[in-house]
Amino acid sequence: DAAEALSQGNLETRVDETRLDELGILGRRFNQMAHDLAQRQFMQETFGRYLSEDIAQSLRDNPRAVRLGGELREVTIMFTDLKGYSTVSERLTPTEVVELVNAYMTVMHDVVVEHGGSVIEYQGDGVLATFGAPVRQEDHAEKAVRCALAIENRLTALKDKLAAGRLGERLSEVGVTHLASRVGLHNGTVVAGNLGSPAHMKYGVIGDAVNVSARLETLNKELGTRILISDKTYQRLSPELRDRARVQGVRQVKGREQPVGVFSMEADA
């Protein structure tokens, strides 16, 4: 009965181990196994909170992947940040800022995962996400752009949700009437894999595509836009999404010699 309960996932199952014969030995070994399985499940669940599920699953499927290095991947990189964050954080208490950022990150994580992407890193109020790694996708650019278009509605819903609580009141007091995000998207070849040292590593992406997407996110401030994509990403989109793009010209971005053709996208109504 105990073995059956354990197989059904009841890891709190224990048996009487007070006997002094072979069954007592078996009972003690059984209880130790149940304890170890519970600990392993706890570590797996905790591990999953520090990595996206796609990354965690890829490591579970291939334990040898837990080593330094990576592989070349064609991906679309998304950089986002919370518009007006510096001003808002100056007017809120540190505890309120943490509450706001955590609520924002929760929304961003959910919308990225729903569109097939993986959150790679949180950077203050910014999010770095990939489409096409660690899970390969042929339509990674399309998924990334549709994700970006869905963000504004999600943030509007978040503001409405927060309005009922104390944080919503504080946001109104400091003049925050809505929440918005700036997004930069660019696709290209990157090295995706484990970065760091043998003692401490993280899953990351390195390449020109990462730099360009970050610069496009920042360029939104200058152009007064919310979503900017590169011409390279534009070329990979369906006709329906191309029709929604607006030409923003050829721009020189910091840290790159070659200029980038830029398009803005209008968020979903």
Protein backbone atom coordinates (compact mmCIF):
# COMPACT_ATOMS: atom_id res chain seq x y z
CA ASP A 1 0.00 0.00 0.00
CA ALA A 2 2.83 2.40 0.84
CA ALA A 3 4.62 1.66 -2.43
CA GLU A 4 1.39 2.26 -4.35
CA ALA A 5 0.85 5.59 -2.54
CA LEU A 6 4.41 6.62 -3.34
CA SER A 7 3.96 5.77 -7.00
CA GLN A 8 0.89 8.03 -7.07
CA GLY A 9 3.00 10.97 -5.92
CA ASN A 10 2.28 10.96 -2.18
CA LEU A 11 5.85 11.59 -1.09
CA GLU A 12 4.83 11.99 2.56
CA THR A 13 4.11 8.26 2.76
CA ARG A 14 6.01 6.40 5.51
CA VAL A 15 5.87 2.87 6.94
CA ASP A 16 6.45 1.44 10.40
CA GLU A 17 10.18 0.86 10.78
CA THR A 18 10.28 -0.31 14.40
CA ARG A 19 10.56 -4.01 13.55
CA LEU A 20 13.94 -5.60 14.15
CA ASP A 21 13.82 -8.15 11.33
CA GLU A 22 14.31 -7.88 7.58
CA LEU A 23 11.00 -6.04 7.17
CA GLY A 24 12.23 -3.40 9.61
CA ILE A 25 15.35 -2.90 7.49
CA LEU A 26 13.18 -2.68 4.38
CA GLY A 27 10.91 -0.15 6.12
CA ARG A 28 13.80 2.09 7.06
CA ARG A 29 15.19 1.96 3.52
CA PHE A 30 11.72 2.70 2.13
CA ASN A 31 11.31 5.74 4.37
CA GLN A 32 14.74 7.03 3.41
CA MET A 33 13.89 6.65 -0.27
CA ALA A 34 10.59 8.54 0.22
CA HIS A 35 12.46 11.31 2.05
CA ASP A 36 15.07 11.57 -0.72
CA LEU A 37 12.37 11.70 -3.41
CA ALA A 38 10.59 14.51 -1.55
CA GLN A 39 13.85 16.44 -1.30
CA ARG A 40 14.54 15.91 -4.99
CA GLN A 41 11.08 17.16 -5.92
CA PHE A 42 11.57 20.24 -3.73
CA MET A 43 14.89 21.01 -5.42
CA GLN A 44 13.37 20.51 -8.87
CA GLU A 45 10.46 22.82 -8.12
CA THR A 46 12.80 25.42 -6.61
CA PHE A 47 15.23 25.06 -9.55
CA GLY A 48 12.33 25.70 -11.92
CA ARG A 49 11.70 29.10 -10.35
CA TYR A 50 15.19 30.28 -11.30
CA LEU A 51 15.00 29.06 -14.89
CA SER A 52 12.27 29.07 -17.49
CA GLU A 53 10.51 25.73 -17.77
CA ASP A 54 11.93 25.24 -21.29
CA ILE A 55 15.49 25.61 -19.99
CA ALA A 56 14.88 23.43 -16.95
CA GLN A 57 13.29 20.73 -19.11
CA SER A 58 16.17 20.76 -21.58
CA LEU A 59 18.60 20.20 -18.69
CA ARG A 60 16.47 17.39 -17.27
CA ASP A 61 16.34 15.72 -20.69
CA ASN A 62 20.08 16.08 -21.19
CA PRO A 63 22.06 16.33 -17.93
CA ARG A 64 25.29 16.51 -19.96
CA ALA A 65 24.14 19.97 -21.08
CA VAL A 66 25.06 21.32 -17.65
CA ARG A 67 28.51 22.41 -18.75
CA LEU A 68 30.05 25.61 -19.98
CA GLY A 69 29.58 26.40 -23.63
CA GLY A 70 26.73 26.66 -26.09
CA GLU A 71 25.58 26.26 -29.66
CA LEU A 72 24.79 28.56 -32.55
CA ARG A 73 21.09 29.32 -32.84
CA GLU A 74 18.99 31.53 -35.08
CA VAL A 75 16.67 33.34 -32.65
CA THR A 76 14.67 36.48 -32.09
CA ILE A 77 15.71 38.48 -29.05
CA MET A 78 13.25 40.60 -27.09
CA PHE A 79 14.27 43.37 -24.70
CA THR A 80 11.61 45.17 -22.68
CA ASP A 81 11.49 47.68 -19.86
CA LEU A 82 8.79 49.42 -17.84
CA LYS A 83 8.18 52.92 -19.17
CA GLY A 84 8.76 55.63 -16.57
CA TYR A 85 10.26 53.20 -14.07
CA SER A 86 12.98 55.57 -12.85
CA THR A 87 10.48 58.29 -12.02
CA VAL A 88 8.04 55.89 -10.38
CA SER A 89 10.73 54.19 -8.29
CA GLU A 90 11.86 57.58 -7.00
CA ARG A 91 8.38 58.33 -5.66
CA LEU A 92 7.52 54.92 -4.20
CA THR A 93 9.01 53.22 -1.17
CA PRO A 94 11.47 50.36 -1.84
CA THR A 95 8.83 47.85 -0.71
CA GLU A 96 6.28 49.31 -3.12
CA VAL A 97 8.82 49.26 -5.95
CA VAL A 98 9.51 45.56 -5.33
CA GLU A 99 5.77 44.83 -5.32
CA LEU A 100 5.30 46.68 -8.61
CA VAL A 101 8.31 45.07 -10.30
CA ASN A 102 7.26 41.58 -9.19
CA ALA A 103 3.74 42.14 -10.54
CA TYR A 104 5.17 43.44 -13.81
CA MET A 105 7.62 40.54 -14.14
CA THR A 106 4.83 38.04 -13.49
CA VAL A 107 2.81 39.47 -16.38
CA MET A 108 5.85 39.55 -18.65
CA HIS A 109 6.80 35.96 -17.85
CA ASP A 110 3.28 34.72 -18.53
CA VAL A 111 2.86 36.51 -21.86
CA VAL A 112 6.31 35.42 -23.09
CA VAL A 113 5.71 31.76 -22.21
CA GLU A 114 2.21 31.82 -23.74
CA HIS A 115 3.76 32.91 -27.04
CA GLY A 116 6.45 30.23 -27.03
CA GLY A 117 9.36 32.26 -25.69
CA SER A 118 11.70 31.82 -22.75
CA VAL A 119 12.60 34.47 -20.19
CA ILE A 120 16.39 34.41 -19.93
CA GLU A 121 17.06 37.20 -17.48
CA TYR A 122 15.50 39.94 -15.38
CA GLN A 123 17.53 43.15 -15.35
CA GLY A 124 16.05 45.62 -12.88
CA ASP A 125 12.76 46.48 -14.55
CA GLY A 126 13.92 44.94 -17.84
CA VAL A 127 13.30 41.54 -19.34
CA LEU A 128 15.49 39.64 -21.80
CA ALA A 129 13.61 36.87 -23.59
CA THR A 130 14.40 34.57 -26.50
CA PHE A 131 12.26 32.95 -29.15
CA GLY A 132 13.98 29.99 -30.81
CA ALA A 133 16.17 28.89 -27.88
CA PRO A 134 16.37 26.64 -26.01
CA VAL A 135 13.40 25.27 -27.98
CA ARG A 136 13.93 25.51 -31.73
CA GLN A 137 11.22 27.39 -33.65
CA GLU A 138 10.99 28.21 -37.33
CA ASP A 139 8.53 31.06 -36.73
CA HIS A 140 10.38 32.64 -33.81
CA ALA A 141 10.15 36.18 -35.24
CA GLU A 142 6.39 35.90 -35.71
CA LYS A 143 5.92 34.59 -32.17
CA ALA A 144 8.09 37.34 -30.70
CA VAL A 145 6.24 40.16 -32.47
CA ARG A 146 2.83 38.77 -31.50
CA CYS A 147 4.07 38.58 -27.93
CA ALA A 148 5.17 42.22 -28.03
CA LEU A 149 1.78 43.27 -29.41
CA ALA A 150 -0.02 41.48 -26.57
CA ILE A 151 1.99 43.12 -23.78
CA GLU A 152 0.14 46.45 -23.63
CA ASN A 153 -3.26 44.85 -23.05
CA ARG A 154 -1.77 42.70 -20.31
CA LEU A 155 -0.31 45.74 -18.58
CA THR A 156 -3.63 47.57 -18.82
CA ALA A 157 -5.27 44.59 -17.12
CA LEU A 158 -2.53 44.62 -14.47
CA LYS A 159 -3.14 48.31 -13.72
CA ASP A 160 -6.86 47.60 -13.33
CA LYS A 161 -6.07 44.71 -10.99
CA LEU A 162 -3.71 46.81 -8.87
CA ALA A 163 -6.24 49.64 -8.67
CA ALA A 164 -8.24 47.76 -6.05
CA GLY A 165 -5.31 47.60 -3.61
CA ARG A 166 -2.99 49.91 -1.72
CA LEU A 167 -0.34 49.84 -4.46
CA GLY A 168 -2.91 51.07 -6.95
CA GLU A 169 -3.71 53.97 -4.67
CA ARG A 170 -0.03 54.83 -4.34
CA LEU A 171 0.45 54.71 -8.12
CA SER A 172 -2.42 57.17 -8.53
CA GLU A 173 -0.93 59.41 -5.86
CA VAL A 174 2.38 59.65 -7.75
CA GLY A 175 0.62 60.30 -11.06
CA VAL A 176 0.84 56.88 -12.73
CA THR A 177 -2.36 56.55 -14.75
CA HIS A 178 -1.30 53.53 -16.82
CA LEU A 179 1.48 50.98 -17.19
CA ALA A 180 3.36 50.63 -20.45
CA SER A 181 6.42 48.81 -21.70
CA ARG A 182 9.00 49.59 -24.37
CA VAL A 183 10.07 46.66 -26.54
CA GLY A 184 12.97 46.05 -28.94
CA LEU A 185 13.11 43.03 -31.26
CA HIS A 186 15.84 41.76 -33.55
CA ASN A 187 16.72 38.32 -34.87
CA GLY A 188 20.06 36.79 -35.74
CA THR A 189 22.55 34.09 -34.89
CA VAL A 190 23.65 33.89 -31.26
CA VAL A 191 25.52 31.47 -29.05
CA ALA A 192 22.95 30.06 -26.63
CA GLY A 193 24.13 28.03 -23.68
CA ASN A 194 25.76 28.02 -20.28
CA LEU A 195 27.83 31.09 -19.45
CA GLY A 196 29.96 31.80 -16.38
CA SER A 197 32.38 29.61 -14.48
CA PRO A 198 32.36 25.90 -13.56
CA ALA A 199 31.28 26.91 -10.04
CA HIS A 200 28.48 29.27 -11.04
CA MET A 201 26.80 29.47 -14.42
CA LYS A 202 23.60 30.62 -16.08
CA TYR A 203 21.83 29.99 -19.36
CA GLY A 204 22.40 32.98 -21.61
CA VAL A 205 22.69 34.26 -25.16
CA ILE A 206 25.55 36.22 -26.71
CA GLY A 207 25.69 37.86 -30.11
CA ASP A 208 25.01 40.98 -32.16
CA ALA A 209 21.26 40.27 -32.07
CA VAL A 210 21.25 40.81 -28.31
CA ASN A 211 22.95 44.20 -28.59
CA VAL A 212 20.70 45.41 -31.42
CA SER A 213 17.45 44.46 -29.68
CA ALA A 214 18.61 46.27 -26.53
CA ARG A 215 19.43 49.40 -28.57
CA LEU A 216 16.05 49.28 -30.31
CA GLU A 217 14.30 49.11 -26.96
CA THR A 218 16.15 52.30 -25.92
CA LEU A 219 15.45 53.97 -29.28
CA ASN A 220 11.74 53.92 -28.44
CA LYS A 221 12.38 56.86 -26.09
CA GLU A 222 13.74 58.99 -28.93
CA LEU A 223 11.02 58.07 -31.41
CA GLY A 224 8.12 58.10 -28.97
CA THR A 225 7.17 54.55 -29.89
CA ARG A 226 6.40 51.42 -27.86
CA ILE A 227 7.56 48.56 -30.09
CA LEU A 228 10.49 48.69 -32.51
CA ILE A 229 11.63 45.84 -34.73
CA SER A 230 14.56 45.60 -37.12
CA ASP A 231 14.19 45.25 -40.86
CA LYS A 232 15.61 41.73 -40.52
CA THR A 233 12.78 40.77 -38.19
CA TYR A 234 10.26 42.52 -40.43
CA GLN A 235 11.31 40.33 -43.37
CA ARG A 236 10.37 37.18 -41.44
CA LEU A 237 6.83 38.28 -40.61
CA SER A 238 3.55 37.25 -42.18
CA PRO A 239 1.87 39.75 -44.55
CA GLU A 240 -0.72 40.52 -41.87
CA LEU A 241 1.92 41.69 -39.40
CA ARG A 242 3.92 43.52 -42.07
CA ASP A 243 0.82 45.59 -42.85
CA ARG A 244 0.80 46.77 -39.22
CA ALA A 245 4.42 47.94 -39.33
CA ARG A 246 5.37 51.58 -39.86
CA VAL A 247 8.69 52.63 -41.37
CA GLN A 248 10.92 54.55 -38.95
CA GLY A 249 13.90 54.86 -41.27
CA VAL A 250 17.49 53.66 -41.09
CA ARG A 251 19.04 54.32 -37.70
CA GLN A 252 22.54 54.19 -36.31
CA VAL A 253 22.53 52.30 -33.01
CA LYS A 254 25.16 52.56 -30.32
CA GLY A 255 27.92 49.95 -30.38
CA ARG A 256 27.33 48.90 -33.99
CA GLU A 257 28.93 50.16 -37.19
CA GLN A 258 26.18 49.01 -39.54
CA PRO A 259 22.94 51.03 -39.38
CA VAL A 260 19.64 49.23 -38.82
CA GLY A 261 16.39 49.60 -40.71
CA VAL A 262 13.68 50.16 -38.12
CA PHE A 263 9.92 49.62 -38.05
CA SER A 264 7.42 50.41 -35.30
CA MET A 265 4.42 48.23 -34.51
CA GLU A 266 1.04 49.27 -33.17
CA ALA A 267 -0.16 47.30 -30.15
CA ASP A 268 -3.36 45.27 -30.26
CA ALA A 269 -6.52 47.28 -29.82
